[in-house]
Amino acid sequence: MNTGEPARPAQNQDQNQNQNEDEARRIRRLQVMMSMVASVISQDPALTVEEASELAAGAKRAALAMFPDKELAYDLLYKPRLQRLMRERYRLQ
């Protein structure tokens, strides 16, 4: 059945699949990193509010290094989560 699209060479398909796999790995790495940061903020009894803030800032820098054009997505997905954890942990307003 012809859909009107030209057939793509196998090389392009392999390249697209490799790009998709790379992005999936980076997404998973980001998810694990953010889970670890959230765990440390919520569970480390010796962590000060300043250290927690620096940990959150470092996580943002690492996330933007992995996904340079996705600051808005970070601000929508992860920033509120970390802010909530810090408010709950340190009783911030």
Protein backbone atom coordinates (compact mmCIF):
# COMPACT_ATOMS: atom_id res chain seq x y z
CA MET A 1 0.00 0.00 0.00
CA ASN A 2 1.49 3.31 -1.07
CA THR A 3 1.04 6.22 1.35
CA GLY A 4 2.55 8.80 -0.94
CA GLU A 5 5.74 9.11 1.11
CA PRO A 6 9.08 8.20 -0.39
CA ALA A 7 10.73 5.17 1.14
CA ARG A 8 13.45 6.06 3.61
CA PRO A 9 16.74 4.27 3.38
CA ALA A 10 17.57 1.80 6.12
CA GLN A 11 20.45 4.00 7.22
CA ASN A 12 18.08 6.85 8.14
CA GLN A 13 15.85 4.44 10.03
CA ASP A 14 18.83 3.10 11.98
CA GLN A 15 20.00 6.64 12.74
CA ASN A 16 16.53 7.65 13.95
CA GLN A 17 16.31 4.53 16.10
CA ASN A 18 19.73 5.29 17.64
CA GLN A 19 18.64 8.87 18.36
CA ASN A 20 15.43 7.64 19.98
CA GLU A 21 17.35 5.13 22.10
CA ASP A 22 19.83 7.84 23.15
CA GLU A 23 17.00 10.17 24.14
CA ALA A 24 15.29 7.37 26.08
CA ARG A 25 18.55 6.72 27.97
CA ARG A 26 18.95 10.42 28.79
CA ILE A 27 15.34 10.64 29.97
CA ARG A 28 15.80 7.61 32.21
CA ARG A 29 19.06 9.03 33.58
CA LEU A 30 17.28 12.31 34.34
CA GLN A 31 14.43 10.51 36.10
CA VAL A 32 16.84 8.50 38.25
CA MET A 33 18.88 11.61 39.06
CA MET A 34 15.81 13.60 40.08
CA SER A 35 14.53 10.72 42.22
CA MET A 36 17.88 10.56 43.99
CA VAL A 37 17.92 14.32 44.59
CA ALA A 38 14.38 14.18 45.94
CA SER A 39 15.31 11.29 48.23
CA VAL A 40 18.34 13.10 49.61
CA ILE A 41 16.38 16.30 50.22
CA SER A 42 13.58 14.49 51.98
CA GLN A 43 15.61 11.93 53.96
CA ASP A 44 19.11 13.23 54.83
CA PRO A 45 18.82 14.49 58.41
CA ALA A 46 22.10 16.44 58.23
CA LEU A 47 21.24 18.33 55.03
CA THR A 48 20.89 22.08 55.54
CA VAL A 49 18.51 24.25 53.54
CA GLU A 50 21.50 25.84 51.76
CA GLU A 51 22.88 22.43 50.80
CA ALA A 52 19.45 21.32 49.59
CA SER A 53 19.16 24.48 47.48
CA GLU A 54 22.57 23.87 45.94
CA LEU A 55 21.64 20.24 45.28
CA ALA A 56 18.48 21.37 43.48
CA ALA A 57 20.44 23.97 41.48
CA GLY A 58 23.01 21.36 40.49
CA ALA A 59 20.25 19.01 39.39
CA LYS A 60 18.81 21.75 37.19
CA ARG A 61 22.23 22.43 35.63
CA ALA A 62 22.70 18.72 34.94
CA ALA A 63 19.20 18.40 33.46
CA LEU A 64 19.77 21.38 31.16
CA ALA A 65 23.13 19.94 30.12
CA MET A 66 21.31 16.77 29.03
CA PHE A 67 18.38 18.66 27.47
CA PRO A 68 19.57 22.20 26.64
CA ASP A 69 16.32 23.57 25.21
CA LYS A 70 13.99 22.12 27.84
CA GLU A 71 14.14 24.62 30.68
CA LEU A 72 10.39 25.20 30.55
CA ALA A 73 9.75 21.47 30.83
CA TYR A 74 12.10 21.30 33.83
CA ASP A 75 10.35 24.26 35.45
CA LEU A 76 6.96 22.60 34.96
CA LEU A 77 7.90 19.05 35.97
CA TYR A 78 10.72 19.01 38.49
CA LYS A 79 11.00 22.47 40.02
CA PRO A 80 7.60 22.30 41.80
CA ARG A 81 8.43 18.84 43.13
CA LEU A 82 11.73 19.98 44.62
CA GLN A 83 10.17 23.18 45.98
CA ARG A 84 7.42 21.17 47.67
CA LEU A 85 9.95 18.83 49.26
CA MET A 86 11.97 21.74 50.57
CA ARG A 87 8.86 23.51 51.92
CA GLU A 88 7.79 20.35 53.72
CA ARG A 89 11.25 19.50 55.02
CA TYR A 90 12.35 22.97 56.16
CA ARG A 91 8.92 24.51 56.83
CA LEU A 92 9.55 27.28 54.29
CA GLN A 93 6.84 29.66 53.16
